[in-house]
Amino acid sequence: MITSTPRPVPVCTFAHNAAGALGGGAAAAALYGWSLDAAGVPMRAGGPGATVSEPVTPATFATGTAILTVVAIGLAMMLRRRASAPRRAFLTTTVALAAASLVLPLTAGATAASTKVWFAVGHVVIAALILPILARALPTRHQICTRGPSPLRGS
């Protein structure tokens, strides 16, 4: 009888989840932007209090999402090392930041009301996609992650 030895499953899957959140989040944001454009939502927005609006493209959605996902990944990495309850600290912080981010689309000047609403919905949808992916890779309590040998660590 031939048997195979199962490979050990790595304890830390943070890098895989971070890559998935980054790529998947940016792709989902671009698709959301394309769907808004296809649905006829005016794709022009201004900053808070602006009198002139500028075009917003699906690439703008993807780029903004990618940048903020990198920030969220950095926050998760810091909390993973320093917080006593990394997952809870990450979710508490990022949900509060996502809620605060709704101020931008809702206060955008020279922007159609429908655009403000759909851009705010986009913030919620993309955050609901990315944050759980990153949170799942964080431990509920502070722990040291065990890994196999790494050429970067010299072991």
C-alpha atoms as a PDB file:
ATOM      1  CA  MET A   1       0.000   0.000   0.000  1.00  0.00           C
ATOM      2  CA  ILE A   2       1.305   3.398  -0.989  1.00  0.00           C
ATOM      3  CA  THR A   3       0.777   6.231   1.454  1.00  0.00           C
ATOM      4  CA  SER A   4       1.851   9.796   1.316  1.00  0.00           C
ATOM      5  CA  THR A   5       2.908  11.937   4.170  1.00  0.00           C
ATOM      6  CA  PRO A   6       0.739  15.039   4.420  1.00  0.00           C
ATOM      7  CA  ARG A   7       2.582  18.308   4.169  1.00  0.00           C
ATOM      8  CA  PRO A   8       2.364  20.514   7.241  1.00  0.00           C
ATOM      9  CA  VAL A   9      -0.064  23.374   6.890  1.00  0.00           C
ATOM     10  CA  PRO A  10       1.600  26.716   7.670  1.00  0.00           C
ATOM     11  CA  VAL A  11       0.262  28.364  10.803  1.00  0.00           C
ATOM     12  CA  CYS A  12       0.587  31.890   9.438  1.00  0.00           C
ATOM     13  CA  THR A  13      -1.437  32.495   6.299  1.00  0.00           C
ATOM     14  CA  PHE A  14      -1.255  36.245   6.565  1.00  0.00           C
ATOM     15  CA  ALA A  15       0.722  36.760   3.350  1.00  0.00           C
ATOM     16  CA  HIS A  16      -1.778  34.739   1.317  1.00  0.00           C
ATOM     17  CA  ASN A  17      -4.737  36.599   2.784  1.00  0.00           C
ATOM     18  CA  ALA A  18      -3.028  39.953   2.291  1.00  0.00           C
ATOM     19  CA  ALA A  19      -2.333  39.160  -1.363  1.00  0.00           C
ATOM     20  CA  GLY A  20      -5.931  37.996  -1.827  1.00  0.00           C
ATOM     21  CA  ALA A  21      -7.316  41.111  -0.170  1.00  0.00           C
ATOM     22  CA  LEU A  22      -5.100  43.367  -2.267  1.00  0.00           C
ATOM     23  CA  GLY A  23      -5.747  41.749  -5.635  1.00  0.00           C
ATOM     24  CA  GLY A  24      -9.345  40.782  -5.009  1.00  0.00           C
ATOM     25  CA  GLY A  25     -10.223  44.133  -3.467  1.00  0.00           C
ATOM     26  CA  ALA A  26      -8.736  46.131  -6.335  1.00  0.00           C
ATOM     27  CA  ALA A  27     -10.466  43.924  -8.914  1.00  0.00           C
ATOM     28  CA  ALA A  28     -13.790  44.151  -7.095  1.00  0.00           C
ATOM     29  CA  ALA A  29     -13.469  47.934  -6.848  1.00  0.00           C
ATOM     30  CA  ALA A  30     -12.780  48.209 -10.586  1.00  0.00           C
ATOM     31  CA  LEU A  31     -15.783  46.001 -11.362  1.00  0.00           C
ATOM     32  CA  TYR A  32     -17.919  48.124  -9.059  1.00  0.00           C
ATOM     33  CA  GLY A  33     -16.777  51.261 -10.892  1.00  0.00           C
ATOM     34  CA  TRP A  34     -17.507  49.698 -14.276  1.00  0.00           C
ATOM     35  CA  SER A  35     -20.955  48.603 -13.124  1.00  0.00           C
ATOM     36  CA  LEU A  36     -21.778  52.116 -11.914  1.00  0.00           C
ATOM     37  CA  ASP A  37     -20.642  53.550 -15.218  1.00  0.00           C
ATOM     38  CA  ALA A  38     -22.674  50.972 -17.161  1.00  0.00           C
ATOM     39  CA  ALA A  39     -25.733  51.731 -15.003  1.00  0.00           C
ATOM     40  CA  GLY A  40     -25.502  55.412 -15.914  1.00  0.00           C
ATOM     41  CA  VAL A  41     -24.355  56.771 -12.550  1.00  0.00           C
ATOM     42  CA  PRO A  42     -22.588  60.114 -13.175  1.00  0.00           C
ATOM     43  CA  MET A  43     -18.898  59.309 -12.761  1.00  0.00           C
ATOM     44  CA  ARG A  44     -17.723  62.779 -11.758  1.00  0.00           C
ATOM     45  CA  ALA A  45     -16.950  63.919  -8.235  1.00  0.00           C
ATOM     46  CA  GLY A  46     -15.280  66.775  -6.416  1.00  0.00           C
ATOM     47  CA  GLY A  47     -13.589  66.915  -3.054  1.00  0.00           C
ATOM     48  CA  PRO A  48     -15.416  68.153   0.041  1.00  0.00           C
ATOM     49  CA  GLY A  49     -16.673  71.667  -0.688  1.00  0.00           C
ATOM     50  CA  ALA A  50     -15.391  71.642  -4.279  1.00  0.00           C
ATOM     51  CA  THR A  51     -17.085  73.697  -6.976  1.00  0.00           C
ATOM     52  CA  VAL A  52     -15.706  71.638  -9.865  1.00  0.00           C
ATOM     53  CA  SER A  53     -15.946  67.884 -10.340  1.00  0.00           C
ATOM     54  CA  GLU A  54     -13.465  65.608 -12.057  1.00  0.00           C
ATOM     55  CA  PRO A  55     -13.953  62.256 -13.788  1.00  0.00           C
ATOM     56  CA  VAL A  56     -13.772  59.116 -11.667  1.00  0.00           C
ATOM     57  CA  THR A  57     -12.800  55.960 -13.547  1.00  0.00           C
ATOM     58  CA  PRO A  58     -12.826  52.288 -12.570  1.00  0.00           C
ATOM     59  CA  ALA A  59      -9.030  52.554 -12.380  1.00  0.00           C
ATOM     60  CA  THR A  60      -9.484  55.284  -9.764  1.00  0.00           C
ATOM     61  CA  PHE A  61     -11.564  52.865  -7.681  1.00  0.00           C
ATOM     62  CA  ALA A  62      -8.962  50.101  -8.046  1.00  0.00           C
ATOM     63  CA  THR A  63      -6.007  52.370  -7.252  1.00  0.00           C
ATOM     64  CA  GLY A  64      -7.643  53.898  -4.190  1.00  0.00           C
ATOM     65  CA  THR A  65      -8.638  50.470  -2.938  1.00  0.00           C
ATOM     66  CA  ALA A  66      -5.135  49.076  -3.467  1.00  0.00           C
ATOM     67  CA  ILE A  67      -3.502  51.964  -1.606  1.00  0.00           C
ATOM     68  CA  LEU A  68      -5.857  51.726   1.356  1.00  0.00           C
ATOM     69  CA  THR A  69      -5.556  47.932   1.424  1.00  0.00           C
ATOM     70  CA  VAL A  70      -1.786  48.296   1.753  1.00  0.00           C
ATOM     71  CA  VAL A  71      -2.412  50.658   4.697  1.00  0.00           C
ATOM     72  CA  ALA A  72      -4.778  48.076   6.238  1.00  0.00           C
ATOM     73  CA  ILE A  73      -2.177  45.333   5.725  1.00  0.00           C
ATOM     74  CA  GLY A  74       0.415  47.478   7.511  1.00  0.00           C
ATOM     75  CA  LEU A  75      -2.008  48.102  10.381  1.00  0.00           C
ATOM     76  CA  ALA A  76      -2.773  44.375  10.611  1.00  0.00           C
ATOM     77  CA  MET A  77       0.937  43.517  10.684  1.00  0.00           C
ATOM     78  CA  MET A  78       1.575  46.016  13.457  1.00  0.00           C
ATOM     79  CA  LEU A  79      -1.411  44.824  15.505  1.00  0.00           C
ATOM     80  CA  ARG A  80      -0.424  41.184  14.982  1.00  0.00           C
ATOM     81  CA  ARG A  81       2.868  41.896  16.708  1.00  0.00           C
ATOM     82  CA  ARG A  82       1.735  44.333  19.386  1.00  0.00           C
ATOM     83  CA  ALA A  83      -1.942  43.880  20.318  1.00  0.00           C
ATOM     84  CA  SER A  84      -3.093  41.384  22.945  1.00  0.00           C
ATOM     85  CA  ALA A  85      -6.166  40.630  20.773  1.00  0.00           C
ATOM     86  CA  PRO A  86      -5.019  41.424  17.204  1.00  0.00           C
ATOM     87  CA  ARG A  87      -8.183  40.386  15.347  1.00  0.00           C
ATOM     88  CA  ARG A  88     -10.504  42.385  17.594  1.00  0.00           C
ATOM     89  CA  ALA A  89      -8.207  45.423  17.564  1.00  0.00           C
ATOM     90  CA  PHE A  90      -7.955  45.284  13.764  1.00  0.00           C
ATOM     91  CA  LEU A  91     -11.704  44.983  13.228  1.00  0.00           C
ATOM     92  CA  THR A  92     -12.519  47.696  15.760  1.00  0.00           C
ATOM     93  CA  THR A  93     -10.045  50.111  14.196  1.00  0.00           C
ATOM     94  CA  THR A  94     -10.811  49.394  10.546  1.00  0.00           C
ATOM     95  CA  VAL A  95     -14.593  49.377  10.904  1.00  0.00           C
ATOM     96  CA  ALA A  96     -14.360  52.777  12.609  1.00  0.00           C
ATOM     97  CA  LEU A  97     -12.078  54.040   9.811  1.00  0.00           C
ATOM     98  CA  ALA A  98     -14.409  52.644   7.131  1.00  0.00           C
ATOM     99  CA  ALA A  99     -17.349  54.417   8.773  1.00  0.00           C
ATOM    100  CA  ALA A 100     -15.343  57.647   8.916  1.00  0.00           C
ATOM    101  CA  SER A 101     -14.439  57.261   5.235  1.00  0.00           C
ATOM    102  CA  LEU A 102     -18.108  57.711   4.334  1.00  0.00           C
ATOM    103  CA  VAL A 103     -17.666  61.412   5.060  1.00  0.00           C
ATOM    104  CA  LEU A 104     -15.689  61.884   1.828  1.00  0.00           C
ATOM    105  CA  PRO A 105     -18.265  60.726  -0.722  1.00  0.00           C
ATOM    106  CA  LEU A 106     -21.183  62.178   1.226  1.00  0.00           C
ATOM    107  CA  THR A 107     -19.604  65.654   1.456  1.00  0.00           C
ATOM    108  CA  ALA A 108     -18.204  65.740  -2.089  1.00  0.00           C
ATOM    109  CA  GLY A 109     -18.873  69.083  -3.730  1.00  0.00           C
ATOM    110  CA  ALA A 110     -20.114  69.472  -7.313  1.00  0.00           C
ATOM    111  CA  THR A 111     -21.251  65.827  -7.237  1.00  0.00           C
ATOM    112  CA  ALA A 112     -24.667  64.378  -8.095  1.00  0.00           C
ATOM    113  CA  ALA A 113     -26.612  62.974  -5.133  1.00  0.00           C
ATOM    114  CA  SER A 114     -26.833  59.556  -6.789  1.00  0.00           C
ATOM    115  CA  THR A 115     -23.067  59.505  -7.217  1.00  0.00           C
ATOM    116  CA  LYS A 116     -22.545  60.345  -3.547  1.00  0.00           C
ATOM    117  CA  VAL A 117     -24.816  57.520  -2.466  1.00  0.00           C
ATOM    118  CA  TRP A 118     -23.315  54.907  -4.808  1.00  0.00           C
ATOM    119  CA  PHE A 119     -19.759  55.914  -3.920  1.00  0.00           C
ATOM    120  CA  ALA A 120     -20.630  55.586  -0.201  1.00  0.00           C
ATOM    121  CA  VAL A 121     -22.168  52.168  -0.888  1.00  0.00           C
ATOM    122  CA  GLY A 122     -18.919  51.248  -2.637  1.00  0.00           C
ATOM    123  CA  HIS A 123     -16.934  52.100   0.502  1.00  0.00           C
ATOM    124  CA  VAL A 124     -19.101  49.730   2.532  1.00  0.00           C
ATOM    125  CA  VAL A 125     -19.085  46.919  -0.050  1.00  0.00           C
ATOM    126  CA  ILE A 126     -15.323  46.954  -0.584  1.00  0.00           C
ATOM    127  CA  ALA A 127     -14.610  47.215   3.161  1.00  0.00           C
ATOM    128  CA  ALA A 128     -16.980  44.280   3.751  1.00  0.00           C
ATOM    129  CA  LEU A 129     -14.926  42.285   1.259  1.00  0.00           C
ATOM    130  CA  ILE A 130     -11.397  43.192   2.350  1.00  0.00           C
ATOM    131  CA  LEU A 131     -11.579  43.498   6.134  1.00  0.00           C
ATOM    132  CA  PRO A 132     -12.782  39.952   6.895  1.00  0.00           C
ATOM    133  CA  ILE A 133     -10.101  38.474   4.615  1.00  0.00           C
ATOM    134  CA  LEU A 134      -7.381  40.260   6.554  1.00  0.00           C
ATOM    135  CA  ALA A 135      -9.015  39.683   9.943  1.00  0.00           C
ATOM    136  CA  ARG A 136      -9.230  35.911   9.366  1.00  0.00           C
ATOM    137  CA  ALA A 137      -5.447  35.765   9.104  1.00  0.00           C
ATOM    138  CA  LEU A 138      -4.986  37.420  12.489  1.00  0.00           C
ATOM    139  CA  PRO A 139      -4.966  35.439  15.710  1.00  0.00           C
ATOM    140  CA  THR A 140      -7.656  36.112  18.285  1.00  0.00           C
ATOM    141  CA  ARG A 141      -4.927  36.338  20.938  1.00  0.00           C
ATOM    142  CA  HIS A 142      -1.296  37.396  20.666  1.00  0.00           C
ATOM    143  CA  GLN A 143       0.818  34.432  19.617  1.00  0.00           C
ATOM    144  CA  ILE A 144       4.113  33.691  18.019  1.00  0.00           C
ATOM    145  CA  CYS A 145       3.626  32.261  14.540  1.00  0.00           C
ATOM    146  CA  THR A 146       5.664  29.186  13.726  1.00  0.00           C
ATOM    147  CA  ARG A 147       7.067  28.819  10.268  1.00  0.00           C
ATOM    148  CA  GLY A 148       9.434  26.588   8.441  1.00  0.00           C
ATOM    149  CA  PRO A 149      12.963  27.550   7.459  1.00  0.00           C
ATOM    150  CA  SER A 150      13.378  30.830   5.649  1.00  0.00           C
ATOM    151  CA  PRO A 151      16.330  31.941   3.576  1.00  0.00           C
ATOM    152  CA  LEU A 152      15.651  35.487   4.785  1.00  0.00           C
ATOM    153  CA  ARG A 153      16.133  34.507   8.422  1.00  0.00           C
ATOM    154  CA  GLY A 154      19.123  32.294   7.715  1.00  0.00           C
ATOM    155  CA  SER A 155      17.512  29.202   9.250  1.00  0.00           C
END
